[in-house]
Amino acid sequence: MLDRSRLLCKRLTAPIRHVVRRRVPMPLVMWRVRQIWRRPDARVWPPPERAGHTGLERFEYRLFSQNGEDGILRHIFGEIGFASRRCVEFGFSTNESNSLRLVLHERFTGLFLDASDWQVDRFNRAVAMVNAAAARAVRAFLTRDTLQPLLLAHGTPAEIDLVSIDVDGNDYWFWESLDQVSARVAVVEYNAALGPDLSLAMPYAESGRPADDAPHHFAYAGASLAALVRLAGRKGMSLVGCDSSGTNAFFVRNDCLTASIRPRTPAEAFRPNAGLLRLGITLDEQIDRARRAPFVGIS
């Protein structure tokens, strides 16, 4: 009960913490960003501490990503190789991004999109500080009708190496709308509270937020793993695994699959949300609450 109370407190105080962060003097903010962006990449890899793990989890480590996505992407591209060295990311933080390691350490050209003017300004300042001219952040409020034209207007080619999607709501619908840009690898956040079998997604919301009368809790967000797998199939992509925290799913285009990067079923790849489990909320409890939310079925 104490852990659940802490989670509720954290969510209720989020707006206050957001305001406080914005009042930190910009020189101090950018000094911290510069320190983070100059972190050296892992020299010993795969990480020795992951030796007891299998699959993609064996390769997890975090340089700029939220969890172990940096290491997983390093492994996937180590197997399939690079092509265009272009990436696009929707929803990012200046210091936390699935694509930033590729830009700073693998010579990628990156387009980063977010609705936060503060994040975009901070990101572009950091780009100038470390001379990472191949990266650019653009402030944009995304909809499924404007997303693809925006990418094309900023010079995104028909084929890119990576797309990363984490917008906490319209993830499924944004990925579905990309039919003129083909990514060899996709990282998409999934809602682990829906379990491995349910094929559900939040209804598309033009505002980017759930309706006012929609439930506001951990179980009502994004799309299930099974729903994303069905969409990936229509795009000629296969699920190859999930990170151990139960946050992101990794997809690879079928013509890029290898003997070690192979398709997995949702049941094989699914990982529950580690944070919710630590709070004592079982997967069955999560699924039970999610079933009562107004998701739409994905076939």
Protein backbone atom coordinates (compact mmCIF):
# COMPACT_ATOMS: atom_id res chain seq x y z
CA MET A 1 0.00 0.00 0.00
CA LEU A 2 2.89 2.35 0.78
CA ASP A 3 4.41 1.83 -2.68
CA ARG A 4 1.07 2.53 -4.36
CA SER A 5 0.70 5.72 -2.31
CA ARG A 6 4.17 6.82 -3.45
CA LEU A 7 3.19 6.20 -7.08
CA LEU A 8 0.03 8.29 -6.66
CA CYS A 9 2.01 11.06 -4.95
CA LYS A 10 4.56 11.07 -7.77
CA ARG A 11 1.84 11.44 -10.39
CA LEU A 12 0.01 14.18 -8.50
CA THR A 13 3.18 16.22 -8.02
CA ALA A 14 4.38 15.79 -11.62
CA PRO A 15 3.05 19.23 -12.76
CA ILE A 16 4.85 20.93 -9.85
CA ARG A 17 8.12 19.16 -10.61
CA HIS A 18 7.73 20.11 -14.28
CA VAL A 19 7.48 23.81 -13.35
CA VAL A 20 10.43 23.60 -10.96
CA ARG A 21 12.65 22.03 -13.64
CA ARG A 22 11.86 24.86 -16.04
CA ARG A 23 13.01 27.43 -13.48
CA VAL A 24 16.50 26.00 -13.20
CA PRO A 25 18.89 28.51 -14.87
CA MET A 26 19.61 27.44 -18.45
CA PRO A 27 23.44 27.53 -18.09
CA LEU A 28 23.17 25.04 -15.23
CA VAL A 29 20.76 22.87 -17.22
CA MET A 30 23.04 22.83 -20.25
CA TRP A 31 26.14 22.09 -18.15
CA ARG A 32 24.40 18.94 -16.93
CA VAL A 33 23.23 18.00 -20.45
CA ARG A 34 26.75 18.44 -21.80
CA GLN A 35 28.12 16.09 -19.13
CA ILE A 36 25.55 13.44 -20.03
CA TRP A 37 26.04 13.72 -23.79
CA ARG A 38 29.80 13.24 -23.40
CA ARG A 39 29.46 9.89 -21.67
CA PRO A 40 31.73 7.30 -23.29
CA ASP A 41 30.07 4.28 -24.84
CA ALA A 42 30.46 0.85 -23.28
CA ARG A 43 33.84 -0.67 -24.20
CA VAL A 44 33.17 -4.13 -22.81
CA TRP A 45 30.17 -5.52 -24.61
CA PRO A 46 27.98 -7.52 -24.25
CA PRO A 47 27.82 -6.40 -20.61
CA PRO A 48 29.41 -9.05 -18.36
CA GLU A 49 26.70 -8.50 -15.76
CA ARG A 50 24.10 -9.72 -18.29
CA ALA A 51 25.87 -13.03 -18.91
CA GLY A 52 23.10 -15.02 -17.26
CA HIS A 53 20.41 -13.62 -19.54
CA THR A 54 19.25 -14.88 -22.92
CA GLY A 55 17.79 -13.33 -26.06
CA LEU A 56 17.85 -9.55 -26.43
CA GLU A 57 18.10 -9.16 -22.65
CA ARG A 58 21.67 -10.47 -22.83
CA PHE A 59 22.71 -7.27 -24.62
CA GLU A 60 20.92 -4.62 -22.59
CA TYR A 61 22.71 -1.56 -21.30
CA ARG A 62 21.78 2.07 -20.87
CA LEU A 63 23.81 4.99 -22.16
CA PHE A 64 21.02 7.46 -23.03
CA SER A 65 17.98 5.19 -23.22
CA GLN A 66 15.42 4.78 -20.46
CA ASN A 67 16.21 1.12 -19.88
CA GLY A 68 18.44 -1.26 -21.84
CA GLU A 69 17.38 -0.16 -25.32
CA ASP A 70 20.81 1.22 -26.26
CA GLY A 71 22.40 -2.20 -25.91
CA ILE A 72 19.58 -4.01 -27.68
CA LEU A 73 19.79 -1.68 -30.67
CA ARG A 74 23.57 -2.04 -30.73
CA HIS A 75 23.09 -5.81 -30.96
CA ILE A 76 20.37 -5.68 -33.62
CA PHE A 77 22.35 -3.36 -35.89
CA GLY A 78 25.48 -5.38 -35.21
CA GLU A 79 23.66 -8.32 -36.78
CA ILE A 80 21.77 -6.66 -39.64
CA GLY A 81 24.19 -3.81 -40.38
CA PHE A 82 23.49 -0.16 -41.15
CA ALA A 83 22.02 1.14 -44.38
CA SER A 84 20.90 4.79 -44.50
CA ARG A 85 22.04 5.64 -40.96
CA ARG A 86 18.87 7.72 -40.62
CA CYS A 87 16.56 7.68 -37.61
CA VAL A 88 13.37 9.36 -36.48
CA GLU A 89 12.10 9.54 -32.90
CA PHE A 90 8.68 10.72 -31.72
CA GLY A 91 8.57 11.63 -28.06
CA PHE A 92 11.96 12.04 -26.41
CA SER A 93 13.79 13.72 -23.57
CA THR A 94 17.03 15.60 -24.09
CA ASN A 95 18.88 13.19 -21.82
CA GLU A 96 16.78 10.10 -22.49
CA SER A 97 16.34 8.80 -26.01
CA ASN A 98 16.53 5.53 -27.91
CA SER A 99 18.25 7.18 -30.89
CA LEU A 100 20.78 9.50 -29.28
CA ARG A 101 23.53 6.88 -28.95
CA LEU A 102 23.24 6.16 -32.67
CA VAL A 103 23.64 9.86 -33.48
CA LEU A 104 26.58 10.49 -31.14
CA HIS A 105 28.44 7.17 -31.56
CA GLU A 106 27.34 5.63 -34.88
CA ARG A 107 27.20 8.73 -37.14
CA PHE A 108 23.43 8.66 -37.63
CA THR A 109 21.39 11.57 -38.94
CA GLY A 110 18.46 12.02 -36.58
CA LEU A 111 15.14 13.87 -36.61
CA PHE A 112 13.55 14.22 -33.16
CA LEU A 113 9.94 15.38 -32.81
CA ASP A 114 8.19 16.54 -29.66
CA ALA A 115 5.49 19.00 -28.62
CA SER A 116 7.60 20.44 -25.77
CA ASP A 117 9.30 23.70 -26.74
CA TRP A 118 11.54 23.35 -23.68
CA GLN A 119 12.78 19.87 -24.66
CA VAL A 120 13.34 20.89 -28.28
CA ASP A 121 15.22 24.07 -27.36
CA ARG A 122 17.39 22.21 -24.85
CA PHE A 123 18.12 19.43 -27.34
CA ASN A 124 19.16 21.82 -30.12
CA ARG A 125 21.38 23.77 -27.71
CA ALA A 126 23.10 20.51 -26.80
CA VAL A 127 23.54 19.64 -30.48
CA ALA A 128 25.38 22.94 -30.99
CA MET A 129 27.53 22.43 -27.87
CA VAL A 130 28.85 19.03 -28.91
CA ASN A 131 28.89 19.79 -32.63
CA ALA A 132 26.42 17.01 -33.48
CA ALA A 133 25.18 18.69 -36.63
CA ALA A 134 23.49 15.52 -37.90
CA ALA A 135 20.78 15.74 -35.21
CA ARG A 136 17.88 18.15 -35.14
CA ALA A 137 14.82 18.50 -32.92
CA VAL A 138 11.59 19.99 -34.21
CA ARG A 139 8.73 21.20 -32.07
CA ALA A 140 5.48 19.85 -33.48
CA PHE A 141 2.11 18.76 -32.20
CA LEU A 142 1.66 15.50 -34.06
CA THR A 143 -1.49 13.99 -35.49
CA ARG A 144 -1.79 10.95 -37.72
CA ASP A 145 -2.63 13.26 -40.65
CA THR A 146 0.30 15.65 -40.16
CA LEU A 147 3.02 13.24 -39.02
CA GLN A 148 4.08 11.79 -42.36
CA PRO A 149 3.96 15.11 -44.30
CA LEU A 150 6.09 16.62 -41.53
CA LEU A 151 8.72 13.89 -41.89
CA LEU A 152 8.83 14.27 -45.65
CA ALA A 153 9.04 18.07 -45.36
CA HIS A 154 12.16 17.64 -43.22
CA GLY A 155 13.86 15.43 -45.77
CA THR A 156 13.17 11.99 -44.32
CA PRO A 157 13.92 9.42 -47.05
CA ALA A 158 11.62 6.54 -48.01
CA GLU A 159 13.84 4.10 -46.10
CA ILE A 160 15.40 4.75 -42.72
CA ASP A 161 17.24 2.51 -40.31
CA LEU A 162 15.22 3.26 -37.18
CA VAL A 163 11.94 4.70 -35.99
CA SER A 164 11.31 5.04 -32.25
CA ILE A 165 7.80 5.82 -30.96
CA ASP A 166 6.93 6.70 -27.37
CA VAL A 167 4.06 9.17 -27.07
CA ASP A 168 2.03 7.48 -24.30
CA GLY A 169 -1.21 7.30 -26.25
CA ASN A 170 -1.37 7.43 -30.03
CA ASP A 171 1.67 5.19 -30.56
CA TYR A 172 -0.27 2.58 -32.55
CA TRP A 173 -2.02 5.14 -34.75
CA PHE A 174 1.14 7.11 -35.50
CA TRP A 175 2.98 3.98 -36.56
CA GLU A 176 0.00 2.91 -38.70
CA SER A 177 0.04 6.28 -40.49
CA LEU A 178 3.62 5.80 -41.71
CA ASP A 179 3.09 4.18 -45.10
CA GLN A 180 5.61 6.21 -47.14
CA VAL A 181 8.53 5.83 -44.74
CA SER A 182 9.85 2.29 -44.17
CA ALA A 183 12.07 1.60 -41.17
CA ARG A 184 14.36 -1.41 -41.02
CA VAL A 185 14.02 -1.41 -37.22
CA ALA A 186 11.20 -0.05 -35.06
CA VAL A 187 11.11 0.47 -31.29
CA VAL A 188 7.58 1.03 -30.01
CA GLU A 189 6.41 1.34 -26.43
CA TYR A 190 3.73 -1.20 -25.53
CA ASN A 191 1.26 -1.40 -22.66
CA ALA A 192 2.34 -4.44 -20.69
CA ALA A 193 -0.73 -4.12 -18.43
CA LEU A 194 -2.71 -5.63 -21.32
CA GLY A 195 -0.74 -8.88 -21.17
CA PRO A 196 0.59 -10.85 -24.15
CA ASP A 197 -2.71 -11.96 -25.70
CA LEU A 198 -5.19 -9.06 -25.81
CA SER A 199 -5.10 -7.09 -29.08
CA LEU A 200 -6.20 -3.62 -27.96
CA ALA A 201 -5.27 0.03 -28.40
CA MET A 202 -6.48 3.32 -27.02
CA PRO A 203 -8.88 5.03 -29.43
CA TYR A 204 -7.14 7.63 -31.55
CA ALA A 205 -7.21 11.02 -29.82
CA GLU A 206 -6.63 14.09 -31.97
CA SER A 207 -5.68 16.04 -28.84
CA GLY A 208 -3.06 13.44 -27.96
CA ARG A 209 -4.78 12.84 -24.62
CA PRO A 210 -7.59 10.49 -23.54
CA ALA A 211 -11.10 11.91 -23.39
CA ASP A 212 -11.98 13.74 -20.18
CA ASP A 213 -14.31 10.94 -19.11
CA ALA A 214 -11.71 8.21 -19.82
CA PRO A 215 -10.03 6.44 -16.92
CA HIS A 216 -6.76 7.94 -15.78
CA HIS A 217 -4.63 5.11 -14.47
CA PHE A 218 -1.57 3.06 -15.40
CA ALA A 219 -3.55 0.47 -17.37
CA TYR A 220 -5.06 2.93 -19.85
CA ALA A 221 -2.30 3.84 -22.28
CA GLY A 222 -0.95 3.04 -25.73
CA ALA A 223 -1.46 -0.37 -27.26
CA SER A 224 -0.91 -4.00 -26.37
CA LEU A 225 1.98 -6.04 -27.68
CA ALA A 226 -0.36 -8.27 -29.69
CA ALA A 227 -1.91 -5.22 -31.40
CA LEU A 228 1.51 -3.88 -32.38
CA VAL A 229 2.51 -7.30 -33.72
CA ARG A 230 -0.54 -7.35 -35.99
CA LEU A 231 0.29 -3.89 -37.30
CA ALA A 232 3.93 -4.89 -37.80
CA GLY A 233 2.81 -7.87 -39.87
CA ARG A 234 0.96 -5.56 -42.24
CA LYS A 235 4.15 -3.52 -42.56
CA GLY A 236 6.28 -6.55 -43.40
CA MET A 237 8.00 -6.54 -39.99
CA SER A 238 8.40 -9.10 -37.22
CA LEU A 239 8.62 -8.84 -33.46
CA VAL A 240 12.10 -9.91 -32.34
CA GLY A 241 11.87 -9.23 -28.61
CA CYS A 242 11.11 -6.85 -25.75
CA ASP A 243 13.29 -5.22 -23.14
CA SER A 244 13.35 -6.77 -19.68
CA SER A 245 11.52 -3.84 -18.07
CA GLY A 246 8.39 -4.51 -20.12
CA THR A 247 8.50 -1.09 -21.78
CA ASN A 248 9.52 -1.36 -25.44
CA ALA A 249 9.03 -3.87 -28.22
CA PHE A 250 11.57 -4.30 -31.04
CA PHE A 251 10.59 -5.05 -34.63
CA VAL A 252 12.79 -5.80 -37.63
CA ARG A 253 11.76 -5.72 -41.28
CA ASN A 254 11.44 -9.24 -42.63
CA ASP A 255 14.06 -8.80 -45.34
CA CYS A 256 16.60 -7.87 -42.62
CA LEU A 257 16.05 -10.86 -40.32
CA THR A 258 19.03 -13.11 -39.57
CA ALA A 259 19.59 -16.46 -37.90
CA SER A 260 20.01 -14.73 -34.53
CA ILE A 261 17.50 -11.91 -35.08
CA ARG A 262 14.42 -14.00 -35.67
CA PRO A 263 10.64 -13.63 -35.21
CA ARG A 264 9.11 -14.17 -31.78
CA THR A 265 5.47 -14.62 -30.84
CA PRO A 266 3.93 -12.17 -28.35
CA ALA A 267 3.85 -14.99 -25.79
CA GLU A 268 7.59 -15.63 -26.24
CA ALA A 269 8.69 -12.00 -26.24
CA PHE A 270 6.31 -10.45 -23.70
CA ARG A 271 7.78 -9.04 -20.51
CA PRO A 272 5.53 -7.61 -17.77
CA ASN A 273 6.00 -4.05 -16.55
CA ALA A 274 8.75 -4.38 -13.96
CA GLY A 275 7.87 -1.10 -12.26
CA LEU A 276 4.27 -2.12 -11.60
CA LEU A 277 5.36 -5.51 -10.32
CA ARG A 278 7.74 -3.79 -7.88
CA LEU A 279 4.76 -1.81 -6.60
CA GLY A 280 3.00 -5.08 -5.81
CA ILE A 281 0.47 -4.84 -8.66
CA THR A 282 0.32 -8.31 -10.18
CA LEU A 283 -0.06 -8.88 -13.91
CA ASP A 284 -3.52 -10.36 -13.32
CA GLU A 285 -4.54 -7.20 -11.47
CA GLN A 286 -3.20 -5.05 -14.29
CA ILE A 287 -5.06 -7.02 -16.95
CA ASP A 288 -8.27 -6.98 -14.91
CA ARG A 289 -8.17 -3.20 -14.65
CA ALA A 290 -7.22 -2.80 -18.30
CA ARG A 291 -10.15 -4.93 -19.46
CA ARG A 292 -12.54 -2.37 -17.96
CA ALA A 293 -10.97 0.56 -19.86
CA PRO A 294 -12.43 1.74 -23.21
CA PHE A 295 -9.81 0.27 -25.53
CA VAL A 296 -10.66 -0.62 -29.11
CA GLY A 297 -10.01 -4.05 -30.58
CA ILE A 298 -7.29 -4.43 -33.23
CA SER A 299 -7.68 -7.19 -35.78
